[in-house]
Structures are given as structure tokens and as C-alpha cells.
């Protein structure tokens, strides 16, 4: 039974990592898009990924609780407590912040016709809170994997989680900056409209006539 539950636990982790990767890549692609159709295409798989995340997290939690209770570590072990705390934070931030905001953006772009990106949708895709939460979740998954494989003490586990959180902030800012520059550079070229000159003025007759 222990081996079966361990397999389910690892399967849940793999599913969660895959779903988060698709969600994060979809968000970054939407931020770099130059029109509504580009955002719509970038977010196509995000709803599927968002539906995979809750069952994956439930599987990870249920199997993890069984493994802790029937394994060699027990409750109160440093890395176990920190892993559970990270998991609780992700269960709140994931659906409550990232899921809601990406869902709202997906609905907004589904209603918008193909063409230039409206200001409201542009603000939604460049939401710094959404980007920071998505990046934080990704770095904490790496932390979670480190805790599972290395099983550090409480101090080491807290330090690892803090490093992951600290790394996520500049990564989010960098992602926003690169996405904004990419979106601006992808805007279609619109040549400046130069008013036609009066032929008489072009050869100097206009100024002579006025004199």
C-alpha cells in the first residue's frame, strides 16, 4: 500500500508541475501577444491546466499525509511542516488569485473581437499581482521538490523556502519587463501619414503669391 500511495504522490506532483508550466507559459505568451487573437491562442490550454491543478493538489496532499503518518518522519519534522505550510499558501493563492485573474482574462478575450488589444484587457494581462503570484508558485514548487528529496531540518527548510520566495520577485519583474517590451515591439508598423504638400508651395510659388 505504501508504494502505491508513493506512486500517486509522485504522479500528483508531476501533474501539478505540468499544469503550472502550461499555465505560466500561457500567461507569458499572452503578455507578449500583439493582438486579441494572440492572447486568445496563448490562453487556450490554460483552462485545462487550471482544471488539473485542484485534483493534483488534493492527490499530493492526501498521499503526502498518508506517507508522513506511515513513514519514517512523522509529524513535527522540519521539512514536513514547511512543505505543508507552502502547500497551504499555494492552495489559497492559486485558485484565489491566479485562477480567478486568468479566468477573468480568458473570459474578457473570448468576448473581444479580433483586433487591437483594448486597454482593459492590456491591463489585465500585465497585472503585476498575477505575474508575481504565478512566479511565486513556480519557485515554491521547486522548493517543494527540494524538500521532498533532501529532507532538510527546519532551519534548512525555512531557508530554502525564503530563497525561493526571494528569487521569485526579480523573476516576476523581469518577466513583466520583457513581456512589455516584446508586446510593444510586436505592434504592427503604422507609417506616419504625411499631409500632401501644395504643388505651388513645393516650388516656391506659394510664398511669392502671398507676398
N, C-alpha and C. Protein backbone atom coordinates (compact mmCIF):
# COMPACT_ATOMS: atom_id res chain seq x y z
N UNK A 1 0.83 -1.21 0.00
CA UNK A 1 0.00 0.00 0.00
C UNK A 1 0.87 1.27 0.00
N UNK A 2 1.95 1.23 0.75
CA UNK A 2 2.83 2.40 0.85
C UNK A 2 3.39 2.76 -0.52
N UNK A 3 3.83 1.75 -1.29
CA UNK A 3 4.40 2.01 -2.61
C UNK A 3 3.36 2.59 -3.57
N UNK A 4 2.13 2.12 -3.47
CA UNK A 4 1.06 2.63 -4.33
C UNK A 4 0.78 4.10 -4.02
N UNK A 5 0.71 4.42 -2.74
CA UNK A 5 0.45 5.80 -2.34
C UNK A 5 1.62 6.70 -2.74
N UNK A 6 2.83 6.19 -2.63
CA UNK A 6 4.01 6.96 -3.05
C UNK A 6 3.95 7.25 -4.55
N UNK A 7 3.52 6.25 -5.32
CA UNK A 7 3.36 6.47 -6.77
C UNK A 7 2.31 7.55 -7.04
N UNK A 8 1.19 7.50 -6.34
CA UNK A 8 0.14 8.51 -6.52
C UNK A 8 0.65 9.89 -6.13
N UNK A 9 1.45 9.94 -5.09
CA UNK A 9 2.01 11.22 -4.64
C UNK A 9 2.92 11.81 -5.73
N UNK A 10 3.78 10.98 -6.30
CA UNK A 10 4.69 11.45 -7.35
C UNK A 10 3.90 11.81 -8.61
N UNK A 11 2.88 11.02 -8.93
CA UNK A 11 2.03 11.32 -10.09
C UNK A 11 1.34 12.67 -9.92
N UNK A 12 0.87 12.94 -8.71
CA UNK A 12 0.23 14.24 -8.45
C UNK A 12 1.21 15.38 -8.62
N UNK A 13 2.44 15.19 -8.17
CA UNK A 13 3.47 16.24 -8.30
C UNK A 13 3.78 16.49 -9.77
N UNK A 14 3.93 15.42 -10.55
CA UNK A 14 4.22 15.57 -11.98
C UNK A 14 3.07 16.29 -12.68
N UNK A 15 1.84 15.91 -12.35
CA UNK A 15 0.67 16.57 -12.95
C UNK A 15 0.62 18.04 -12.59
N UNK A 16 0.89 18.36 -11.32
CA UNK A 16 0.87 19.75 -10.88
C UNK A 16 1.95 20.57 -11.57
N UNK A 17 3.16 20.03 -11.66
CA UNK A 17 4.25 20.76 -12.32
C UNK A 17 3.91 21.00 -13.79
N UNK A 18 3.36 20.00 -14.46
CA UNK A 18 3.00 20.15 -15.87
C UNK A 18 1.91 21.21 -16.05
N UNK A 19 0.89 21.16 -15.20
CA UNK A 19 -0.20 22.12 -15.32
C UNK A 19 0.28 23.54 -15.03
N UNK A 20 1.11 23.71 -14.01
CA UNK A 20 1.64 25.03 -13.70
C UNK A 20 2.54 25.55 -14.82
N UNK A 21 3.29 24.66 -15.44
CA UNK A 21 4.16 25.08 -16.55
C UNK A 21 3.33 25.59 -17.72
N UNK A 22 2.26 24.87 -18.07
CA UNK A 22 1.39 25.31 -19.15
C UNK A 22 0.71 26.64 -18.80
N UNK A 23 0.27 26.76 -17.55
CA UNK A 23 -0.39 27.99 -17.12
C UNK A 23 0.56 29.17 -17.17
N UNK A 24 1.79 28.98 -16.67
CA UNK A 24 2.76 30.07 -16.65
C UNK A 24 3.19 30.45 -18.07
N UNK A 25 3.44 29.46 -18.90
CA UNK A 25 3.83 29.75 -20.29
C UNK A 25 2.69 30.44 -21.04
N UNK A 26 1.46 30.02 -20.77
CA UNK A 26 0.32 30.68 -21.40
C UNK A 26 0.20 32.13 -20.98
N UNK A 27 0.42 32.41 -19.70
CA UNK A 27 0.37 33.78 -19.22
C UNK A 27 1.45 34.63 -19.87
N UNK A 28 2.68 34.13 -19.91
CA UNK A 28 3.77 34.90 -20.51
C UNK A 28 3.55 35.12 -22.00
N UNK A 29 3.00 34.10 -22.69
CA UNK A 29 2.71 34.26 -24.11
C UNK A 29 1.61 35.30 -24.34
N UNK A 30 0.63 35.31 -23.44
CA UNK A 30 -0.44 36.31 -23.55
C UNK A 30 0.10 37.71 -23.33
N UNK A 31 1.05 37.85 -22.44
CA UNK A 31 1.64 39.16 -22.18
C UNK A 31 2.48 39.66 -23.35
N UNK A 32 2.96 38.74 -24.18
CA UNK A 32 3.80 39.12 -25.31
C UNK A 32 3.01 39.27 -26.60
N UNK A 33 1.72 38.92 -26.58
CA UNK A 33 0.92 38.95 -27.80
C UNK A 33 0.68 40.39 -28.26
N UNK A 34 0.48 40.56 -29.56
CA UNK A 34 0.30 41.89 -30.13
C UNK A 34 -1.15 42.21 -30.45
N UNK A 35 -2.05 41.21 -30.36
CA UNK A 35 -3.46 41.46 -30.64
C UNK A 35 -4.32 40.48 -29.85
N UNK A 36 -5.65 40.65 -29.97
CA UNK A 36 -6.58 39.80 -29.22
C UNK A 36 -6.45 38.33 -29.58
N UNK A 37 -6.29 38.05 -30.87
CA UNK A 37 -6.19 36.64 -31.29
C UNK A 37 -4.95 35.97 -30.71
N UNK A 38 -3.87 36.73 -30.55
CA UNK A 38 -2.67 36.18 -29.93
C UNK A 38 -2.89 35.82 -28.48
N UNK A 39 -3.59 36.68 -27.74
CA UNK A 39 -3.91 36.38 -26.34
C UNK A 39 -4.83 35.17 -26.25
N UNK A 40 -5.82 35.14 -27.13
CA UNK A 40 -6.77 34.03 -27.11
C UNK A 40 -6.05 32.70 -27.38
N UNK A 41 -5.15 32.70 -28.34
CA UNK A 41 -4.40 31.49 -28.65
C UNK A 41 -3.50 31.08 -27.49
N UNK A 42 -2.88 32.07 -26.83
CA UNK A 42 -1.97 31.77 -25.72
C UNK A 42 -2.71 31.15 -24.54
N UNK A 43 -3.95 31.55 -24.33
CA UNK A 43 -4.70 31.10 -23.16
C UNK A 43 -5.57 29.88 -23.45
N UNK A 44 -5.46 29.31 -24.64
CA UNK A 44 -6.34 28.19 -25.00
C UNK A 44 -6.23 27.02 -24.03
N UNK A 45 -5.00 26.67 -23.65
CA UNK A 45 -4.82 25.49 -22.82
C UNK A 45 -4.88 25.81 -21.32
N UNK A 46 -4.87 27.10 -20.98
CA UNK A 46 -4.83 27.47 -19.57
C UNK A 46 -6.04 26.94 -18.79
N UNK A 47 -7.29 27.04 -19.31
CA UNK A 47 -8.42 26.48 -18.54
C UNK A 47 -8.27 25.00 -18.26
N UNK A 48 -7.71 24.24 -19.21
CA UNK A 48 -7.49 22.80 -18.98
C UNK A 48 -6.47 22.60 -17.87
N UNK A 49 -5.39 23.41 -17.92
CA UNK A 49 -4.36 23.31 -16.88
C UNK A 49 -4.93 23.67 -15.52
N UNK A 50 -5.77 24.71 -15.48
CA UNK A 50 -6.35 25.13 -14.21
C UNK A 50 -7.28 24.06 -13.64
N UNK A 51 -7.90 23.27 -14.49
CA UNK A 51 -8.77 22.19 -14.01
C UNK A 51 -7.96 21.01 -13.48
N UNK A 52 -6.74 20.86 -13.96
CA UNK A 52 -5.89 19.76 -13.49
C UNK A 52 -5.27 20.05 -12.13
N UNK A 53 -5.10 21.33 -11.82
CA UNK A 53 -4.38 21.70 -10.60
C UNK A 53 -5.10 21.24 -9.32
N UNK A 54 -6.42 21.49 -9.15
CA UNK A 54 -7.07 21.06 -7.89
C UNK A 54 -6.98 19.57 -7.62
N UNK A 55 -7.33 18.68 -8.58
CA UNK A 55 -7.19 17.25 -8.25
C UNK A 55 -5.75 16.83 -8.01
N UNK A 56 -4.81 17.48 -8.71
CA UNK A 56 -3.40 17.15 -8.48
C UNK A 56 -2.99 17.53 -7.06
N UNK A 57 -3.43 18.70 -6.60
CA UNK A 57 -3.06 19.14 -5.26
C UNK A 57 -3.73 18.28 -4.19
N UNK A 58 -4.97 17.87 -4.43
CA UNK A 58 -5.66 17.00 -3.48
C UNK A 58 -4.96 15.65 -3.38
N UNK A 59 -4.54 15.13 -4.54
CA UNK A 59 -3.82 13.85 -4.55
C UNK A 59 -2.50 13.96 -3.80
N UNK A 60 -1.77 15.06 -4.07
CA UNK A 60 -0.49 15.27 -3.38
C UNK A 60 -0.70 15.35 -1.87
N UNK A 61 -1.70 16.12 -1.45
CA UNK A 61 -1.93 16.31 -0.02
C UNK A 61 -2.37 15.03 0.66
N UNK A 62 -3.36 14.34 0.08
CA UNK A 62 -3.87 13.11 0.69
C UNK A 62 -2.78 12.04 0.77
N UNK A 63 -2.05 11.85 -0.33
CA UNK A 63 -0.99 10.85 -0.33
C UNK A 63 0.14 11.26 0.60
N UNK A 64 0.46 12.56 0.63
CA UNK A 64 1.53 13.03 1.50
C UNK A 64 1.22 12.83 2.97
N UNK A 65 -0.03 13.10 3.34
CA UNK A 65 -0.43 12.89 4.73
C UNK A 65 -0.32 11.42 5.12
N UNK A 66 -0.70 10.54 4.19
CA UNK A 66 -0.58 9.11 4.47
C UNK A 66 0.89 8.71 4.61
N UNK A 67 1.74 9.22 3.72
CA UNK A 67 3.15 8.85 3.74
C UNK A 67 3.83 9.34 5.02
N UNK A 68 3.45 10.54 5.47
CA UNK A 68 4.04 11.07 6.70
C UNK A 68 3.59 10.23 7.90
N UNK A 69 2.32 9.90 7.93
CA UNK A 69 1.80 9.14 9.06
C UNK A 69 2.31 7.72 9.11
N UNK A 70 2.67 7.18 7.94
CA UNK A 70 3.10 5.78 7.89
C UNK A 70 4.57 5.62 7.46
N UNK A 71 5.30 6.72 7.46
CA UNK A 71 6.70 6.68 7.04
C UNK A 71 7.65 6.78 8.20
N UNK A 72 8.83 7.25 7.92
CA UNK A 72 9.89 7.29 8.92
C UNK A 72 10.06 8.68 9.54
N UNK A 73 9.25 9.65 9.15
CA UNK A 73 9.49 11.02 9.61
C UNK A 73 8.53 11.45 10.70
N UNK A 74 7.23 11.29 10.46
CA UNK A 74 6.26 11.66 11.48
C UNK A 74 6.01 13.16 11.51
N UNK A 75 4.99 13.55 12.27
CA UNK A 75 4.61 14.95 12.37
C UNK A 75 5.64 15.71 13.22
N UNK A 76 5.80 16.97 12.88
CA UNK A 76 6.74 17.79 13.60
C UNK A 76 8.13 17.81 13.00
N UNK A 77 8.35 17.02 11.94
CA UNK A 77 9.63 17.06 11.25
C UNK A 77 9.72 18.39 10.48
N UNK A 78 10.91 19.01 10.50
CA UNK A 78 11.06 20.35 9.95
C UNK A 78 10.61 20.49 8.52
N UNK A 79 11.13 19.64 7.63
CA UNK A 79 10.80 19.79 6.21
C UNK A 79 9.34 19.47 5.94
N UNK A 80 8.76 18.57 6.73
CA UNK A 80 7.34 18.24 6.56
C UNK A 80 6.47 19.44 6.90
N UNK A 81 6.76 20.12 8.01
CA UNK A 81 5.97 21.28 8.42
C UNK A 81 6.06 22.41 7.40
N UNK A 82 7.26 22.64 6.91
CA UNK A 82 7.45 23.72 5.92
C UNK A 82 6.75 23.35 4.62
N UNK A 83 6.84 22.11 4.20
CA UNK A 83 6.18 21.68 2.97
C UNK A 83 4.67 21.85 3.08
N UNK A 84 4.11 21.49 4.23
CA UNK A 84 2.67 21.66 4.43
C UNK A 84 2.28 23.14 4.43
N UNK A 85 3.13 23.99 5.01
CA UNK A 85 2.85 25.43 5.01
C UNK A 85 2.87 25.99 3.59
N UNK A 86 3.86 25.58 2.80
CA UNK A 86 3.94 26.02 1.41
C UNK A 86 2.71 25.55 0.65
N UNK A 87 2.33 24.32 0.89
CA UNK A 87 1.17 23.76 0.20
C UNK A 87 -0.09 24.54 0.55
N UNK A 88 -0.25 24.90 1.83
CA UNK A 88 -1.43 25.67 2.25
C UNK A 88 -1.46 27.04 1.58
N UNK A 89 -0.31 27.70 1.51
CA UNK A 89 -0.24 29.01 0.86
C UNK A 89 -0.60 28.90 -0.62
N UNK A 90 -0.09 27.87 -1.29
CA UNK A 90 -0.39 27.69 -2.71
C UNK A 90 -1.85 27.37 -2.95
N UNK A 91 -2.47 26.64 -2.03
CA UNK A 91 -3.89 26.32 -2.19
C UNK A 91 -4.76 27.56 -2.04
N UNK A 92 -4.26 28.57 -1.35
CA UNK A 92 -5.01 29.83 -1.22
C UNK A 92 -4.72 30.76 -2.40
N UNK A 93 -3.45 30.95 -2.70
CA UNK A 93 -3.06 31.90 -3.76
C UNK A 93 -3.42 31.38 -5.15
N UNK A 94 -3.30 30.07 -5.36
CA UNK A 94 -3.55 29.52 -6.70
C UNK A 94 -4.97 29.79 -7.18
N UNK A 95 -5.98 29.18 -6.55
CA UNK A 95 -7.35 29.42 -7.00
C UNK A 95 -7.83 30.85 -6.69
N UNK A 96 -7.43 31.39 -5.54
CA UNK A 96 -7.98 32.68 -5.10
C UNK A 96 -7.46 33.88 -5.86
N UNK A 97 -6.23 33.80 -6.36
CA UNK A 97 -5.64 34.95 -7.06
C UNK A 97 -5.36 34.60 -8.51
N UNK A 98 -4.45 33.65 -8.73
CA UNK A 98 -4.05 33.34 -10.10
C UNK A 98 -5.20 32.78 -10.92
N UNK A 99 -5.91 31.80 -10.37
CA UNK A 99 -7.01 31.19 -11.12
C UNK A 99 -8.10 32.18 -11.48
N UNK A 100 -8.51 33.01 -10.52
CA UNK A 100 -9.57 33.99 -10.78
C UNK A 100 -9.16 35.01 -11.83
N UNK A 101 -7.94 35.51 -11.74
CA UNK A 101 -7.50 36.57 -12.65
C UNK A 101 -7.26 36.05 -14.06
N UNK A 102 -6.69 34.86 -14.17
CA UNK A 102 -6.52 34.29 -15.51
C UNK A 102 -7.89 33.93 -16.10
N UNK A 103 -8.79 33.42 -15.26
CA UNK A 103 -10.14 33.11 -15.73
C UNK A 103 -10.86 34.35 -16.23
N UNK A 104 -10.73 35.46 -15.50
CA UNK A 104 -11.36 36.71 -15.93
C UNK A 104 -10.75 37.20 -17.24
N UNK A 105 -9.44 37.07 -17.38
CA UNK A 105 -8.79 37.49 -18.62
C UNK A 105 -9.23 36.61 -19.78
N UNK A 106 -9.38 35.32 -19.54
CA UNK A 106 -9.82 34.39 -20.58
C UNK A 106 -11.23 34.75 -21.04
N UNK A 107 -12.12 35.06 -20.11
CA UNK A 107 -13.48 35.45 -20.46
C UNK A 107 -13.50 36.77 -21.24
N UNK A 108 -12.65 37.70 -20.82
CA UNK A 108 -12.61 39.01 -21.48
C UNK A 108 -12.14 38.89 -22.92
N UNK A 109 -11.10 38.11 -23.15
CA UNK A 109 -10.58 37.99 -24.51
C UNK A 109 -11.51 37.16 -25.38
N UNK A 110 -12.30 36.27 -24.77
CA UNK A 110 -13.26 35.48 -25.54
C UNK A 110 -14.38 36.37 -26.08
N UNK A 111 -14.70 37.43 -25.35
CA UNK A 111 -15.75 38.35 -25.77
C UNK A 111 -15.25 39.38 -26.77
N UNK A 112 -13.96 39.65 -26.77
CA UNK A 112 -13.41 40.72 -27.61
C UNK A 112 -13.24 40.24 -29.05
N UNK A 113 -13.56 41.09 -30.03
CA UNK A 113 -13.32 40.73 -31.43
C UNK A 113 -11.83 40.79 -31.76
N UNK A 114 -11.46 40.13 -32.83
CA UNK A 114 -10.06 40.17 -33.25
C UNK A 114 -9.68 41.61 -33.60
N UNK A 115 -8.48 41.98 -33.20
CA UNK A 115 -8.02 43.33 -33.48
C UNK A 115 -7.09 43.82 -32.40
N UNK A 116 -6.91 45.13 -32.32
CA UNK A 116 -6.03 45.70 -31.29
C UNK A 116 -6.52 45.34 -29.89
N UNK A 117 -5.59 45.26 -28.97
CA UNK A 117 -5.91 44.88 -27.58
C UNK A 117 -6.51 46.08 -26.87
N UNK A 118 -7.73 45.95 -26.33
CA UNK A 118 -8.32 47.08 -25.59
C UNK A 118 -7.55 47.35 -24.30
N UNK A 119 -7.59 48.60 -23.82
CA UNK A 119 -6.82 48.96 -22.62
C UNK A 119 -7.14 48.09 -21.41
N UNK A 120 -8.41 47.74 -21.20
CA UNK A 120 -8.77 46.94 -20.02
C UNK A 120 -8.12 45.57 -20.08
N UNK A 121 -8.14 44.94 -21.25
CA UNK A 121 -7.51 43.62 -21.39
C UNK A 121 -6.00 43.73 -21.28
N UNK A 122 -5.43 44.81 -21.80
CA UNK A 122 -3.99 45.01 -21.70
C UNK A 122 -3.55 45.14 -20.24
N UNK A 123 -4.39 45.84 -19.44
CA UNK A 123 -4.08 45.98 -18.02
C UNK A 123 -4.21 44.65 -17.29
N UNK A 124 -5.16 43.82 -17.69
CA UNK A 124 -5.36 42.53 -17.05
C UNK A 124 -4.17 41.59 -17.29
N UNK A 125 -3.64 41.59 -18.51
CA UNK A 125 -2.54 40.68 -18.80
C UNK A 125 -1.22 41.15 -18.19
N UNK A 126 -1.11 42.45 -17.94
CA UNK A 126 0.11 43.00 -17.35
C UNK A 126 -0.03 43.21 -15.84
N UNK A 127 -1.01 42.55 -15.24
CA UNK A 127 -1.25 42.69 -13.80
C UNK A 127 -0.04 42.18 -13.02
N UNK A 128 0.65 43.04 -12.28
CA UNK A 128 1.85 42.58 -11.55
C UNK A 128 1.52 41.57 -10.46
N UNK A 129 0.34 41.69 -9.83
CA UNK A 129 -0.03 40.73 -8.78
C UNK A 129 -0.15 39.33 -9.38
N UNK A 130 -0.79 39.23 -10.53
CA UNK A 130 -0.94 37.93 -11.20
C UNK A 130 0.42 37.34 -11.55
N UNK A 131 1.30 38.16 -12.11
CA UNK A 131 2.62 37.66 -12.51
C UNK A 131 3.44 37.24 -11.31
N UNK A 132 3.40 38.02 -10.23
CA UNK A 132 4.17 37.68 -9.03
C UNK A 132 3.66 36.38 -8.39
N UNK A 133 2.34 36.23 -8.33
CA UNK A 133 1.78 35.01 -7.73
C UNK A 133 2.11 33.79 -8.58
N UNK A 134 2.01 33.92 -9.90
CA UNK A 134 2.33 32.79 -10.78
C UNK A 134 3.80 32.40 -10.66
N UNK A 135 4.68 33.40 -10.61
CA UNK A 135 6.11 33.10 -10.48
C UNK A 135 6.43 32.54 -9.11
N UNK A 136 5.79 33.07 -8.07
CA UNK A 136 5.99 32.56 -6.71
C UNK A 136 5.59 31.08 -6.63
N UNK A 137 4.45 30.75 -7.22
CA UNK A 137 4.01 29.36 -7.20
C UNK A 137 4.99 28.43 -7.89
N UNK A 138 5.58 28.90 -8.98
CA UNK A 138 6.54 28.07 -9.72
C UNK A 138 7.81 27.84 -8.91
N UNK A 139 8.32 28.89 -8.27
CA UNK A 139 9.54 28.71 -7.48
C UNK A 139 9.28 27.86 -6.24
N UNK A 140 8.10 27.98 -5.67
CA UNK A 140 7.80 27.17 -4.49
C UNK A 140 7.61 25.69 -4.83
N UNK A 141 7.20 25.42 -6.05
CA UNK A 141 7.15 24.01 -6.47
C UNK A 141 8.55 23.42 -6.49
N UNK A 142 9.52 24.22 -6.95
CA UNK A 142 10.92 23.77 -6.93
C UNK A 142 11.37 23.54 -5.49
N UNK A 143 10.99 24.47 -4.60
CA UNK A 143 11.31 24.32 -3.18
C UNK A 143 10.68 23.04 -2.63
N UNK A 144 9.44 22.81 -2.99
CA UNK A 144 8.71 21.63 -2.53
C UNK A 144 9.43 20.35 -2.96
N UNK A 145 9.88 20.32 -4.20
CA UNK A 145 10.61 19.15 -4.69
C UNK A 145 11.93 18.97 -3.95
N UNK A 146 12.59 20.09 -3.65
CA UNK A 146 13.84 20.00 -2.89
C UNK A 146 13.60 19.43 -1.49
N UNK A 147 12.54 19.89 -0.85
CA UNK A 147 12.23 19.39 0.49
C UNK A 147 11.92 17.90 0.47
N UNK A 148 11.19 17.47 -0.55
CA UNK A 148 10.82 16.06 -0.65
C UNK A 148 12.04 15.17 -0.84
N UNK A 149 13.00 15.63 -1.62
CA UNK A 149 14.13 14.78 -1.97
C UNK A 149 15.29 14.87 -0.98
N UNK A 150 15.49 16.05 -0.36
CA UNK A 150 16.63 16.24 0.53
C UNK A 150 16.28 16.19 2.01
N UNK A 151 15.00 16.47 2.34
CA UNK A 151 14.50 16.37 3.70
C UNK A 151 15.39 17.11 4.71
N UNK A 152 15.56 18.43 4.53
CA UNK A 152 16.42 19.19 5.44
C UNK A 152 15.77 19.40 6.80
N UNK A 153 16.53 19.95 7.73
CA UNK A 153 15.98 20.29 9.04
C UNK A 153 15.06 21.50 8.91
N UNK A 154 14.46 21.90 10.03
CA UNK A 154 13.54 23.04 9.99
C UNK A 154 14.23 24.30 9.49
N UNK A 155 15.44 24.56 10.00
CA UNK A 155 16.17 25.75 9.57
C UNK A 155 16.48 25.72 8.08
N UNK A 156 16.95 24.57 7.60
CA UNK A 156 17.26 24.45 6.19
C UNK A 156 16.03 24.56 5.31
N UNK A 157 14.91 24.00 5.79
CA UNK A 157 13.67 24.07 5.02
C UNK A 157 13.16 25.51 4.94
N UNK A 158 13.22 26.24 6.06
CA UNK A 158 12.78 27.64 6.05
C UNK A 158 13.67 28.48 5.16
N UNK A 159 14.97 28.23 5.20
CA UNK A 159 15.89 28.98 4.35
C UNK A 159 15.62 28.70 2.88
N UNK A 160 15.35 27.46 2.55
CA UNK A 160 15.06 27.11 1.16
C UNK A 160 13.79 27.80 0.67
N UNK A 161 12.76 27.81 1.52
CA UNK A 161 11.51 28.48 1.15
C UNK A 161 11.71 29.99 0.98
N UNK A 162 12.52 30.58 1.86
CA UNK A 162 12.79 32.01 1.78
C UNK A 162 13.56 32.36 0.51
N UNK A 163 14.53 31.52 0.16
CA UNK A 163 15.29 31.74 -1.07
C UNK A 163 14.36 31.66 -2.29
N UNK A 164 13.49 30.66 -2.28
CA UNK A 164 12.54 30.54 -3.39
C UNK A 164 11.65 31.76 -3.53
N UNK A 165 11.15 32.27 -2.41
CA UNK A 165 10.31 33.47 -2.45
C UNK A 165 11.09 34.68 -2.92
N UNK A 166 12.34 34.81 -2.45
CA UNK A 166 13.17 35.95 -2.84
C UNK A 166 13.50 35.91 -4.33
N UNK A 167 13.77 34.72 -4.85
CA UNK A 167 14.11 34.60 -6.28
C UNK A 167 12.90 34.91 -7.15
N UNK A 168 11.71 34.58 -6.67
CA UNK A 168 10.51 34.78 -7.50
C UNK A 168 10.23 36.25 -7.78
N UNK A 169 10.62 37.17 -6.88
CA UNK A 169 10.30 38.59 -7.08
C UNK A 169 11.05 39.21 -8.25
N UNK A 170 12.38 39.10 -8.33
CA UNK A 170 13.05 39.65 -9.51
C UNK A 170 12.69 38.91 -10.79
N UNK A 171 12.40 37.61 -10.70
CA UNK A 171 11.98 36.89 -11.90
C UNK A 171 10.66 37.43 -12.43
N UNK A 172 9.72 37.74 -11.52
CA UNK A 172 8.44 38.29 -11.95
C UNK A 172 8.62 39.66 -12.58
N UNK A 173 9.45 40.50 -11.97
CA UNK A 173 9.69 41.83 -12.53
C UNK A 173 10.36 41.73 -13.90
N UNK A 174 11.31 40.80 -14.03
CA UNK A 174 11.98 40.61 -15.30
C UNK A 174 11.00 40.11 -16.36
N UNK A 175 10.14 39.18 -15.98
CA UNK A 175 9.16 38.65 -16.92
C UNK A 175 8.22 39.75 -17.41
N UNK A 176 7.77 40.61 -16.50
CA UNK A 176 6.90 41.72 -16.89
C UNK A 176 7.62 42.67 -17.83
N UNK A 177 8.86 42.99 -17.51
CA UNK A 177 9.61 43.94 -18.33
C UNK A 177 9.83 43.38 -19.73
N UNK A 178 10.24 42.13 -19.82
CA UNK A 178 10.47 41.52 -21.13
C UNK A 178 9.18 41.38 -21.92
N UNK A 179 8.08 41.06 -21.22
CA UNK A 179 6.81 40.90 -21.91
C UNK A 179 6.31 42.23 -22.46
N UNK A 180 6.47 43.29 -21.69
CA UNK A 180 6.03 44.61 -22.16
C UNK A 180 6.83 45.04 -23.38
N UNK A 181 8.15 44.85 -23.33
CA UNK A 181 8.98 45.21 -24.48
C UNK A 181 8.64 44.37 -25.70
N UNK A 182 8.39 43.09 -25.48
CA UNK A 182 8.06 42.21 -26.61
C UNK A 182 6.73 42.61 -27.22
N UNK A 183 5.74 42.93 -26.37
CA UNK A 183 4.42 43.33 -26.88
C UNK A 183 4.51 44.64 -27.66
N UNK A 184 5.30 45.57 -27.15
CA UNK A 184 5.46 46.84 -27.86
C UNK A 184 6.17 46.64 -29.19
N UNK A 185 7.18 45.78 -29.20
CA UNK A 185 7.90 45.54 -30.44
C UNK A 185 7.10 44.77 -31.45
N UNK A 186 6.08 44.03 -30.97
CA UNK A 186 5.26 43.22 -31.88
C UNK A 186 4.10 44.01 -32.47
N UNK A 187 3.92 45.25 -32.04
CA UNK A 187 2.83 46.04 -32.59
C UNK A 187 3.04 46.26 -34.08
N UNK A 188 1.99 46.12 -34.87
CA UNK A 188 2.16 46.29 -36.32
C UNK A 188 2.62 47.70 -36.66
N UNK A 189 3.46 47.78 -37.70
CA UNK A 189 4.01 49.07 -38.10
C UNK A 189 2.94 49.90 -38.79
N UNK A 190 2.79 51.10 -38.34
CA UNK A 190 1.84 52.03 -38.95
C UNK A 190 2.63 53.25 -39.42
N UNK A 191 2.81 53.39 -40.74
CA UNK A 191 3.58 54.53 -41.23
C UNK A 191 2.90 55.84 -40.92
N UNK A 192 3.70 56.83 -40.66
CA UNK A 192 3.15 58.15 -40.37
C UNK A 192 2.50 58.72 -41.61
N UNK A 193 1.37 59.38 -41.43
CA UNK A 193 0.65 60.00 -42.53
C UNK A 193 1.19 61.40 -42.72
N UNK A 194 1.81 61.61 -43.87
CA UNK A 194 2.37 62.92 -44.18
C UNK A 194 1.40 63.68 -45.06
N UNK A 195 0.94 64.85 -44.65
CA UNK A 195 0.00 65.60 -45.48
C UNK A 195 0.62 65.97 -46.81
N UNK A 196 -0.21 65.89 -47.84
CA UNK A 196 0.28 66.22 -49.18
C UNK A 196 0.57 67.72 -49.27
N UNK A 197 1.70 68.03 -49.84
CA UNK A 197 2.08 69.43 -49.98
C UNK A 197 1.43 70.04 -51.21
N UNK A 198 1.14 71.33 -51.13
CA UNK A 198 0.61 72.08 -52.27
C UNK A 198 1.71 72.19 -53.31
N UNK A 199 1.44 71.74 -54.54
CA UNK A 199 2.49 71.81 -55.57
C UNK A 199 3.08 73.20 -55.75
N UNK A 200 2.21 74.24 -55.64
CA UNK A 200 2.70 75.60 -55.81
C UNK A 200 3.68 75.96 -54.71
N UNK A 201 3.34 75.53 -53.46
CA UNK A 201 4.24 75.82 -52.35
C UNK A 201 5.52 75.02 -52.46
N UNK A 202 5.38 73.82 -53.05
CA UNK A 202 6.56 72.96 -53.15
C UNK A 202 7.63 73.58 -54.02
N UNK A 203 7.23 74.42 -55.03
CA UNK A 203 8.25 75.04 -55.91
C UNK A 203 8.46 76.49 -55.59
N UNK A 204 7.88 76.95 -54.47
CA UNK A 204 8.13 78.29 -54.01
C UNK A 204 7.16 79.33 -54.53
N UNK A 205 6.13 78.94 -55.33
CA UNK A 205 5.19 79.91 -55.86
C UNK A 205 4.23 80.41 -54.79
N UNK A 206 3.97 79.51 -53.81
CA UNK A 206 3.01 79.89 -52.79
C UNK A 206 3.53 81.10 -52.02
N UNK A 207 4.79 81.10 -51.61
CA UNK A 207 5.31 82.20 -50.86
C UNK A 207 5.38 83.47 -51.69
N UNK A 208 5.67 83.33 -53.01
CA UNK A 208 5.71 84.51 -53.85
C UNK A 208 4.33 85.11 -54.02
N UNK A 209 3.28 84.23 -54.17
CA UNK A 209 1.94 84.73 -54.31
C UNK A 209 1.48 85.46 -53.07
N UNK A 210 1.85 84.90 -51.92
CA UNK A 210 1.42 85.54 -50.66
C UNK A 210 2.08 86.90 -50.53
N UNK A 211 3.32 87.03 -51.05
CA UNK A 211 3.99 88.33 -50.95
C UNK A 211 3.34 89.33 -51.88
